[in-house]
Amino acid sequence: MARLWMRRLVWRIHPARAVVMAFGAVIVIGATLLALPVSSADGTVTDLITALFTATSAVCVTGLVTVDTGTHWSGFGQGVILGLIQVGGFGIMALASLLALLIAGKLRLRLQMSARVETKSTGIGEVRAVLVRIAAITLVIETITALILTFRFALGYGEAWGDALYHGVFHAISAFNNAGFSINADSLTRYAGDAWVTLPIAVAVILGGLGFPVIIELLRHRVRRRTSGRTGWSLHLKLTVVTTAALLLAGSLLTLVLEWSNGGTLGPMRTGEKVLNAFFHSAMTRTAGFNAVDVGVMEQATLLGTCALMFIGGGSAGTAGGIKVTTFAVLGAAILAEVRGEPSSGIFGRRLAPHVLRQALTVVLLGLGLIVAATIALLTLVEERFEVVLFETVSAFGTVGLSAGVTGDLPPVGEVIIVVLMFVGRLGPITLVSALALRERTRRYQYPEERPIIG
């Protein structure tokens, strides 16, 4: 009887709600493990707020921390964090579906629907193949990145092969999942001039930020081009790739120009190192969170530009956060259509459905509202400059992990606010858009039209 009741309860759970519940459950489990004495380097119990903050940051692949990852946590604790990052990046529903596939060889309909919410697959029948591809893509990219970093750490910095392998694997998983966790107290600032470390991490971050649907479609079209000669890309793929490339270029140029003479960041570097680190910082705004220069001493204009890039984030159904580049592109197309006086918005020869624009506006406005509310709340708790607090809230909402130095000084209430921001930032756009799409219905009547004055 109890088993039947549980089955009915699971069946009635909305797929988007199931994703939220699953992520919440993993965070609670992770916080419990991190609070244990075995998870800390000195063998003491970690306070609940710190454990909860770290677990949320890991599962939501953010990278903000209140304690140093390399010194506070033991090997077991770092392993827990790494596991939480992998689970959070892969998607708890996708992971559950893959485990069901491996164990039972089949997927229940409801589990497939839940996985579809997280993976954004185009049909229920495709979920099985999609999950296998996701696992394969994750393994390949993380392995290649880890090998490059391992050899560089061992041969270039004289680390023992065991330590080099551990550091390489940790940073590779953290990079591809856009988590930004580092076991170095200074993140990657010690490697600021080393392209063999920064570029592989940047590439892994960009690939993870593109989103699994984009990577899978690119692989499919590569096969189709060899067999049939067709190379057509979907609108989602075009929007994601073009917008990502444009934002990477814009972010690199912005950082390079504004920080060129800043003695605390790019100023002392050679020209090639300046270009490398400007690109690296731009790539990290895809919601990765690593830093090779001190973010806290950047120019105010750079911080504001970085906030904009962090708010936009990366691609849908990937490891990045933010409102997503497709949302930004859709709003840009709508603005362009309105300026031109066109009756509908379109891009790349395709007309955008009205409900897509409404969903984009909803995600953006709710995200802005949450950031404003959190910034106001934090300003009442800490005595810091406005732009620094705003940077921290946008970083948390966008699950970026870049910090201007505020997070470590927050009181417990402030840490809870950041925890909520990270959780909502990671799951909010996914669950909100899914819920809106599933609630979509046709109205059998129309209200009389009227046009209020705008502007």
Protein backbone atom coordinates (compact mmCIF):
# COMPACT_ATOMS: atom_id res chain seq x y z
CA MET A 1 0.00 0.00 0.00
CA ALA A 2 2.80 2.42 0.93
CA ARG A 3 4.66 1.54 -2.28
CA LEU A 4 1.55 2.22 -4.37
CA TRP A 5 1.06 5.59 -2.63
CA MET A 6 4.67 6.54 -3.35
CA ARG A 7 4.30 5.61 -7.03
CA ARG A 8 1.20 7.79 -7.33
CA LEU A 9 3.01 10.65 -5.58
CA VAL A 10 5.99 10.44 -7.94
CA TRP A 11 3.68 10.30 -10.96
CA ARG A 12 1.92 13.50 -9.90
CA ILE A 13 5.11 15.47 -9.32
CA HIS A 14 5.70 18.07 -12.02
CA PRO A 15 8.96 17.30 -13.89
CA ALA A 16 10.33 20.78 -13.16
CA ARG A 17 9.43 20.40 -9.49
CA ALA A 18 11.14 17.02 -9.44
CA VAL A 19 14.37 18.63 -10.66
CA VAL A 20 14.21 21.20 -7.84
CA MET A 21 13.51 18.53 -5.23
CA ALA A 22 16.35 16.34 -6.52
CA PHE A 23 18.87 19.18 -6.47
CA GLY A 24 17.69 20.16 -2.99
CA ALA A 25 18.12 16.59 -1.76
CA VAL A 26 21.66 16.37 -3.16
CA ILE A 27 22.57 19.68 -1.50
CA VAL A 28 21.29 18.44 1.87
CA ILE A 29 23.24 15.19 1.52
CA GLY A 30 26.36 17.07 0.47
CA ALA A 31 26.09 19.55 3.35
CA THR A 32 25.69 16.67 5.81
CA LEU A 33 28.82 14.96 4.49
CA LEU A 34 30.84 18.17 4.53
CA ALA A 35 29.82 18.89 8.12
CA LEU A 36 31.38 15.61 9.28
CA PRO A 37 34.79 15.76 11.01
CA VAL A 38 36.32 13.53 8.34
CA SER A 39 35.65 16.24 5.72
CA SER A 40 37.76 18.92 7.37
CA ALA A 41 41.56 18.99 7.28
CA ASP A 42 41.88 19.41 11.05
CA GLY A 43 39.27 16.76 11.87
CA THR A 44 36.77 19.14 13.46
CA VAL A 45 33.08 19.60 12.68
CA THR A 46 32.40 22.29 10.06
CA ASP A 47 29.54 24.62 10.98
CA LEU A 48 26.28 23.98 9.15
CA ILE A 49 26.17 27.32 7.31
CA THR A 50 29.64 26.81 5.82
CA ALA A 51 28.83 23.21 4.84
CA LEU A 52 25.52 24.26 3.29
CA PHE A 53 27.11 27.17 1.43
CA THR A 54 29.88 24.97 0.00
CA ALA A 55 27.49 22.17 -0.97
CA THR A 56 25.12 24.59 -2.70
CA SER A 57 28.01 26.26 -4.52
CA ALA A 58 29.27 22.86 -5.70
CA VAL A 59 25.93 21.41 -6.79
CA CYS A 60 24.93 24.68 -8.47
CA VAL A 61 28.42 24.75 -10.07
CA THR A 62 29.08 28.28 -8.84
CA GLY A 63 32.48 28.33 -7.13
CA LEU A 64 31.88 30.95 -4.45
CA VAL A 65 33.44 29.84 -1.16
CA THR A 66 33.67 31.12 2.40
CA VAL A 67 36.64 28.89 3.31
CA ASP A 68 39.70 27.91 1.28
CA THR A 69 39.01 24.67 -0.59
CA GLY A 70 42.60 23.42 -0.53
CA THR A 71 43.35 24.00 3.17
CA HIS A 72 40.01 23.72 5.01
CA TRP A 73 38.80 20.47 3.47
CA SER A 74 40.48 17.09 3.73
CA GLY A 75 40.93 14.74 0.80
CA PHE A 76 37.55 13.23 1.61
CA GLY A 77 35.93 16.66 1.75
CA GLN A 78 37.46 17.68 -1.57
CA GLY A 79 36.23 14.40 -3.04
CA VAL A 80 32.71 15.18 -1.85
CA ILE A 81 32.92 18.64 -3.44
CA LEU A 82 34.17 17.14 -6.69
CA GLY A 83 31.33 14.62 -6.70
CA LEU A 84 28.77 17.36 -6.07
CA ILE A 85 30.20 19.40 -8.93
CA GLN A 86 29.94 16.45 -11.30
CA VAL A 87 26.39 15.64 -10.24
CA GLY A 88 25.32 19.27 -10.47
CA GLY A 89 26.91 19.80 -13.86
CA PHE A 90 25.57 16.64 -15.39
CA GLY A 91 22.11 17.25 -14.02
CA ILE A 92 20.65 15.15 -11.25
CA MET A 93 17.71 14.01 -13.37
CA ALA A 94 19.98 13.12 -16.27
CA LEU A 95 22.23 11.18 -13.90
CA ALA A 96 19.27 9.34 -12.38
CA SER A 97 18.03 8.40 -15.86
CA LEU A 98 21.45 7.17 -16.91
CA LEU A 99 21.74 5.02 -13.80
CA ALA A 100 18.32 3.55 -14.53
CA LEU A 101 19.44 2.82 -18.07
CA LEU A 102 22.60 1.07 -16.91
CA ILE A 103 20.88 -0.93 -14.17
CA ALA A 104 17.49 -1.81 -15.65
CA GLY A 105 18.16 -1.26 -19.33
CA LYS A 106 15.01 0.81 -19.69
CA LEU A 107 13.58 4.12 -18.61
CA ARG A 108 10.22 4.79 -17.04
CA LEU A 109 8.15 7.41 -18.83
CA ARG A 110 8.07 9.79 -15.88
CA LEU A 111 11.83 9.57 -15.38
CA GLN A 112 12.33 10.32 -19.05
CA MET A 113 10.12 13.39 -18.75
CA SER A 114 12.13 14.60 -15.76
CA ALA A 115 15.38 14.07 -17.63
CA ARG A 116 13.94 15.93 -20.59
CA VAL A 117 13.48 18.99 -18.42
CA GLU A 118 17.17 19.00 -17.54
CA THR A 119 18.65 17.97 -20.91
CA LYS A 120 16.23 19.93 -23.16
CA SER A 121 16.03 16.95 -25.53
CA THR A 122 13.59 17.22 -28.41
CA GLY A 123 11.60 14.09 -27.73
CA ILE A 124 11.05 11.46 -25.06
CA GLY A 125 12.26 8.71 -27.33
CA GLU A 126 15.62 10.47 -27.72
CA VAL A 127 16.39 10.74 -24.00
CA ARG A 128 18.20 7.40 -23.78
CA ALA A 129 20.57 8.23 -26.63
CA VAL A 130 20.99 11.80 -25.39
CA LEU A 131 22.03 10.69 -21.91
CA VAL A 132 24.61 8.29 -23.28
CA ARG A 133 26.03 11.02 -25.50
CA ILE A 134 26.13 13.46 -22.58
CA ALA A 135 28.07 10.96 -20.49
CA ALA A 136 30.49 10.27 -23.34
CA ILE A 137 31.02 13.97 -24.12
CA THR A 138 31.61 14.75 -20.46
CA LEU A 139 34.11 11.92 -20.06
CA VAL A 140 36.05 12.76 -23.24
CA ILE A 141 36.37 16.50 -22.62
CA GLU A 142 37.24 16.11 -18.94
CA THR A 143 39.78 13.39 -19.71
CA ILE A 144 41.57 15.37 -22.43
CA THR A 145 41.66 18.51 -20.25
CA ALA A 146 42.90 16.53 -17.24
CA LEU A 147 45.71 14.91 -19.26
CA ILE A 148 46.95 18.25 -20.62
CA LEU A 149 46.91 19.83 -17.16
CA THR A 150 48.53 16.79 -15.55
CA PHE A 151 51.49 16.81 -17.93
CA ARG A 152 51.87 20.57 -17.56
CA PHE A 153 51.79 20.49 -13.76
CA ALA A 154 54.27 17.61 -13.67
CA LEU A 155 56.69 18.70 -16.38
CA GLY A 156 56.35 22.46 -16.11
CA TYR A 157 56.09 22.91 -12.34
CA GLY A 158 57.86 19.86 -10.99
CA GLU A 159 54.86 18.41 -9.17
CA ALA A 160 54.89 14.71 -8.33
CA TRP A 161 52.88 12.75 -10.88
CA GLY A 162 50.27 11.77 -8.29
CA ASP A 163 49.75 15.36 -7.20
CA ALA A 164 49.78 16.57 -10.80
CA LEU A 165 47.13 14.00 -11.74
CA TYR A 166 44.92 14.98 -8.81
CA HIS A 167 45.24 18.69 -9.57
CA GLY A 168 44.61 18.07 -13.27
CA VAL A 169 41.49 15.98 -12.69
CA PHE A 170 40.09 18.39 -10.10
CA HIS A 171 40.51 21.46 -12.29
CA ALA A 172 39.31 19.65 -15.42
CA ILE A 173 36.04 18.58 -13.78
CA SER A 174 35.62 22.00 -12.23
CA ALA A 175 36.28 23.71 -15.58
CA PHE A 176 33.99 21.66 -17.83
CA ASN A 177 31.19 21.91 -15.28
CA ASN A 178 31.76 25.68 -15.06
CA ALA A 179 32.20 25.37 -11.30
CA GLY A 180 35.31 27.48 -10.74
CA PHE A 181 36.45 25.56 -7.65
CA SER A 182 40.22 25.45 -7.24
CA ILE A 183 42.37 23.82 -4.61
CA ASN A 184 44.76 26.78 -4.88
CA ALA A 185 44.10 29.66 -2.50
CA ASP A 186 44.82 32.15 -5.32
CA SER A 187 42.71 30.26 -7.89
CA LEU A 188 44.78 30.35 -11.12
CA THR A 189 46.69 33.61 -10.62
CA ARG A 190 49.98 31.70 -10.36
CA TYR A 191 49.38 30.47 -13.94
CA ALA A 192 48.38 33.85 -15.39
CA GLY A 193 51.16 33.77 -17.97
CA ASP A 194 50.92 30.05 -18.78
CA ALA A 195 48.79 29.34 -21.85
CA TRP A 196 49.21 25.57 -21.31
CA VAL A 197 47.10 25.90 -18.17
CA THR A 198 44.72 28.79 -18.89
CA LEU A 199 43.77 27.90 -22.48
CA PRO A 200 42.76 24.24 -21.85
CA ILE A 201 40.67 25.38 -18.89
CA ALA A 202 39.12 28.18 -20.97
CA VAL A 203 38.26 25.76 -23.81
CA ALA A 204 36.69 23.29 -21.36
CA VAL A 205 34.67 26.12 -19.82
CA ILE A 206 33.44 27.31 -23.22
CA LEU A 207 32.48 23.79 -24.35
CA GLY A 208 30.60 23.15 -21.12
CA GLY A 209 28.91 26.53 -21.43
CA LEU A 210 27.70 25.90 -24.98
CA GLY A 211 25.24 23.30 -23.74
CA PHE A 212 24.86 19.63 -24.52
CA PRO A 213 22.24 20.11 -27.29
CA VAL A 214 24.68 22.31 -29.22
CA ILE A 215 27.60 19.89 -28.87
CA ILE A 216 25.44 16.90 -29.82
CA GLU A 217 24.02 18.71 -32.86
CA LEU A 218 27.50 19.73 -33.98
CA LEU A 219 28.61 16.10 -33.81
CA ARG A 220 25.51 14.96 -35.71
CA HIS A 221 26.05 17.51 -38.49
CA ARG A 222 29.67 16.49 -38.79
CA VAL A 223 28.53 12.94 -39.54
CA ARG A 224 25.76 14.11 -41.89
CA ARG A 225 28.17 16.36 -43.80
CA ARG A 226 30.44 13.39 -44.47
CA THR A 227 27.57 11.16 -45.58
CA SER A 228 25.10 13.47 -47.34
CA GLY A 229 26.83 16.82 -47.69
CA ARG A 230 24.12 18.71 -45.75
CA THR A 231 25.38 21.23 -43.21
CA GLY A 232 22.20 23.03 -42.05
CA TRP A 233 22.23 24.23 -38.45
CA SER A 234 19.18 24.68 -36.26
CA LEU A 235 18.25 28.16 -35.04
CA HIS A 236 19.22 27.26 -31.48
CA LEU A 237 22.69 26.19 -32.59
CA LYS A 238 23.21 29.34 -34.65
CA LEU A 239 22.03 31.63 -31.86
CA THR A 240 24.20 29.92 -29.25
CA VAL A 241 27.41 29.77 -31.28
CA VAL A 242 27.19 33.25 -32.81
CA THR A 243 26.13 35.00 -29.60
CA THR A 244 28.75 33.16 -27.53
CA ALA A 245 31.51 34.10 -29.97
CA ALA A 246 30.36 37.74 -30.04
CA LEU A 247 30.23 37.97 -26.24
CA LEU A 248 33.65 36.32 -25.86
CA LEU A 249 35.14 38.84 -28.28
CA ALA A 250 33.36 41.78 -26.67
CA GLY A 251 34.40 40.70 -23.18
CA SER A 252 38.02 40.24 -24.23
CA LEU A 253 38.21 43.66 -25.88
CA LEU A 254 36.45 45.33 -22.95
CA THR A 255 38.82 43.80 -20.39
CA LEU A 256 41.88 44.48 -22.52
CA VAL A 257 41.07 48.15 -23.03
CA LEU A 258 39.89 48.95 -19.51
CA GLU A 259 42.59 46.98 -17.66
CA TRP A 260 45.53 47.67 -19.99
CA SER A 261 47.23 50.09 -17.60
CA ASN A 262 45.84 48.79 -14.31
CA GLY A 263 48.87 47.98 -12.17
CA GLY A 264 46.91 45.41 -10.15
CA THR A 265 45.73 43.34 -13.14
CA LEU A 266 47.06 43.51 -16.72
CA GLY A 267 49.37 46.52 -16.33
CA PRO A 268 52.67 44.73 -15.50
CA MET A 269 52.17 42.00 -18.12
CA ARG A 270 53.63 41.73 -21.62
CA THR A 271 51.31 42.31 -24.57
CA GLY A 272 50.77 38.61 -25.26
CA GLU A 273 49.99 37.92 -21.62
CA LYS A 274 47.54 40.81 -21.56
CA VAL A 275 45.64 39.39 -24.53
CA LEU A 276 45.69 35.89 -23.01
CA ASN A 277 44.35 37.04 -19.65
CA ALA A 278 41.75 39.35 -21.17
CA PHE A 279 40.41 36.37 -23.15
CA PHE A 280 40.62 34.12 -20.09
CA HIS A 281 38.62 36.59 -17.98
CA SER A 282 36.01 36.91 -20.72
CA ALA A 283 35.71 33.11 -20.94
CA MET A 284 35.31 32.85 -17.16
CA THR A 285 32.30 35.17 -17.28
CA ARG A 286 30.53 32.29 -19.07
CA THR A 287 29.91 31.29 -15.40
CA ALA A 288 33.14 29.43 -14.70
CA GLY A 289 34.56 31.40 -11.78
CA PHE A 290 38.30 30.87 -12.12
CA ASN A 291 40.43 34.01 -12.03
CA ALA A 292 44.00 34.57 -13.18
CA VAL A 293 44.08 38.22 -12.05
CA ASP A 294 42.76 39.89 -8.91
CA VAL A 295 39.11 40.72 -9.59
CA GLY A 296 38.89 42.87 -6.46
CA VAL A 297 41.21 45.55 -7.90
CA MET A 298 39.64 45.75 -11.34
CA GLU A 299 38.31 49.06 -12.62
CA GLN A 300 34.67 49.87 -11.83
CA ALA A 301 33.84 49.89 -15.55
CA THR A 302 35.32 46.40 -15.92
CA LEU A 303 33.28 45.12 -12.98
CA LEU A 304 30.09 46.51 -14.51
CA GLY A 305 30.87 44.99 -17.90
CA THR A 306 31.67 41.68 -16.22
CA CYS A 307 28.32 41.84 -14.39
CA ALA A 308 26.53 42.14 -17.73
CA LEU A 309 28.39 39.14 -19.17
CA MET A 310 27.78 37.06 -16.02
CA PHE A 311 24.07 37.87 -16.09
CA ILE A 312 23.80 36.65 -19.68
CA GLY A 313 25.75 33.47 -18.94
CA GLY A 314 26.15 30.59 -21.37
CA GLY A 315 24.10 28.18 -23.46
CA SER A 316 20.91 26.39 -22.49
CA ALA A 317 21.05 22.86 -21.04
CA GLY A 318 24.75 23.11 -20.36
CA THR A 319 26.80 23.62 -17.24
CA ALA A 320 26.62 27.43 -17.43
CA GLY A 321 24.18 29.65 -15.57
CA GLY A 322 22.71 33.09 -16.25
CA ILE A 323 19.67 33.92 -18.34
CA LYS A 324 21.39 32.14 -21.28
CA VAL A 325 22.71 33.52 -24.55
CA THR A 326 19.63 32.46 -26.50
CA THR A 327 17.43 34.53 -24.19
CA PHE A 328 19.69 37.53 -24.79
CA ALA A 329 19.65 36.96 -28.56
CA VAL A 330 15.84 36.67 -28.65
CA LEU A 331 15.45 39.97 -26.79
CA GLY A 332 17.97 41.59 -29.13
CA ALA A 333 16.01 40.39 -32.16
CA ALA A 334 12.78 41.75 -30.64
CA ILE A 335 14.36 45.16 -30.03
CA LEU A 336 15.71 45.27 -33.58
CA ALA A 337 12.30 44.36 -35.01
CA GLU A 338 10.61 47.08 -32.95
CA VAL A 339 13.13 49.70 -34.06
CA ARG A 340 12.53 48.72 -37.69
CA GLY A 341 8.77 48.80 -37.21
CA GLU A 342 8.35 45.16 -38.21
CA PRO A 343 5.23 43.31 -36.99
CA SER A 344 7.18 40.27 -35.72
CA SER A 345 10.74 39.52 -34.68
CA GLY A 346 12.98 37.11 -36.49
CA ILE A 347 16.59 36.09 -36.84
CA PHE A 348 18.59 34.02 -39.33
CA GLY A 349 15.59 33.81 -41.64
CA ARG A 350 13.26 32.40 -38.96
CA ARG A 351 10.29 34.09 -37.29
CA LEU A 352 10.27 33.84 -33.50
CA ALA A 353 7.07 32.63 -31.85
CA PRO A 354 5.44 35.23 -29.54
CA HIS A 355 5.52 32.91 -26.53
CA VAL A 356 9.32 32.62 -26.85
CA LEU A 357 9.64 36.37 -26.43
CA ARG A 358 7.29 36.33 -23.42
CA GLN A 359 9.34 33.58 -21.79
CA ALA A 360 12.57 35.51 -22.40
CA LEU A 361 11.11 38.69 -20.88
CA THR A 362 9.85 36.73 -17.87
CA VAL A 363 13.24 35.15 -17.18
CA VAL A 364 15.13 38.44 -17.55
CA LEU A 365 12.78 40.58 -15.45
CA LEU A 366 12.47 38.04 -12.65
CA GLY A 367 16.26 37.62 -12.63
CA LEU A 368 16.80 41.39 -12.45
CA GLY A 369 14.23 41.69 -9.68
CA LEU A 370 15.92 38.98 -7.63
CA ILE A 371 19.36 40.57 -8.08
CA VAL A 372 18.10 44.01 -7.06
CA ALA A 373 16.36 42.63 -3.98
CA ALA A 374 19.44 40.61 -2.94
CA THR A 375 21.76 43.58 -3.52
CA ILE A 376 19.61 45.83 -1.34
CA ALA A 377 19.52 43.19 1.40
CA LEU A 378 23.32 42.68 1.33
CA LEU A 379 23.99 46.43 1.37
CA THR A 380 22.18 46.59 4.71
CA LEU A 381 24.42 43.84 6.10
CA VAL A 382 27.90 44.82 4.92
CA GLU A 383 29.76 48.09 4.55
CA GLU A 384 31.05 47.74 1.00
CA ARG A 385 30.90 49.71 -2.22
CA PHE A 386 27.72 49.28 -4.24
CA GLU A 387 29.45 47.94 -7.35
CA VAL A 388 31.30 45.29 -5.32
CA VAL A 389 28.10 44.01 -3.68
CA LEU A 390 26.28 44.07 -7.01
CA PHE A 391 29.14 42.07 -8.55
CA GLU A 392 28.80 39.43 -5.84
CA THR A 393 25.02 39.06 -6.25
CA VAL A 394 25.22 38.81 -10.04
CA SER A 395 28.02 36.26 -9.70
CA ALA A 396 25.86 34.17 -7.36
CA PHE A 397 22.73 34.40 -9.54
CA GLY A 398 24.71 33.60 -12.68
CA THR A 399 26.43 30.71 -10.84
CA VAL A 400 29.74 32.23 -11.90
CA GLY A 401 31.86 32.15 -8.78
CA LEU A 402 34.00 35.21 -9.48
CA SER A 403 34.34 37.25 -6.31
CA ALA A 404 35.44 40.77 -5.53
CA GLY A 405 36.19 39.74 -1.94
CA VAL A 406 32.80 40.18 -0.27
CA THR A 407 31.65 36.57 0.16
CA GLY A 408 34.24 35.64 2.76
CA ASP A 409 33.19 38.55 5.01
CA LEU A 410 29.44 38.00 4.91
CA PRO A 411 27.49 37.35 8.12
CA PRO A 412 25.42 34.13 8.28
CA VAL A 413 22.29 35.91 7.01
CA GLY A 414 24.25 37.21 4.03
CA GLU A 415 25.56 33.71 3.29
CA VAL A 416 21.99 32.40 3.27
CA ILE A 417 21.02 35.10 0.76
CA ILE A 418 23.87 34.01 -1.51
CA VAL A 419 22.81 30.37 -1.10
CA VAL A 420 19.29 31.24 -2.28
CA LEU A 421 20.70 33.20 -5.21
CA MET A 422 22.90 30.30 -6.31
CA PHE A 423 20.04 27.79 -6.04
CA VAL A 424 17.54 29.96 -7.90
CA GLY A 425 20.15 31.00 -10.45
CA ARG A 426 20.97 27.39 -11.31
CA LEU A 427 17.43 26.02 -11.36
CA GLY A 428 15.25 29.09 -11.85
CA PRO A 429 15.52 29.50 -15.64
CA ILE A 430 15.22 25.73 -16.18
CA THR A 431 12.16 25.20 -14.02
CA LEU A 432 10.49 28.49 -14.91
CA VAL A 433 10.64 28.01 -18.67
CA SER A 434 9.65 24.35 -18.35
CA ALA A 435 6.69 25.24 -16.17
CA LEU A 436 5.59 27.99 -18.57
CA ALA A 437 5.87 25.66 -21.55
CA LEU A 438 3.89 22.88 -19.89
CA ARG A 439 1.17 25.31 -18.77
CA GLU A 440 0.74 26.74 -22.25
CA ARG A 441 -2.90 26.65 -23.38
CA THR A 442 -5.09 28.20 -26.04
CA ARG A 443 -7.56 30.90 -25.00
CA ARG A 444 -10.93 30.66 -26.78
CA TYR A 445 -11.61 34.39 -26.56
CA GLN A 446 -9.74 37.68 -26.87
CA TYR A 447 -10.02 40.85 -24.81
CA PRO A 448 -10.64 44.20 -26.58
CA GLU A 449 -7.33 45.71 -27.70
CA GLU A 450 -6.02 48.94 -26.17
CA ARG A 451 -2.63 50.60 -26.32
CA PRO A 452 -1.28 52.35 -23.19
CA ILE A 453 1.37 55.04 -23.64
CA ILE A 454 4.87 53.57 -23.54
CA GLY A 455 7.95 55.64 -22.76
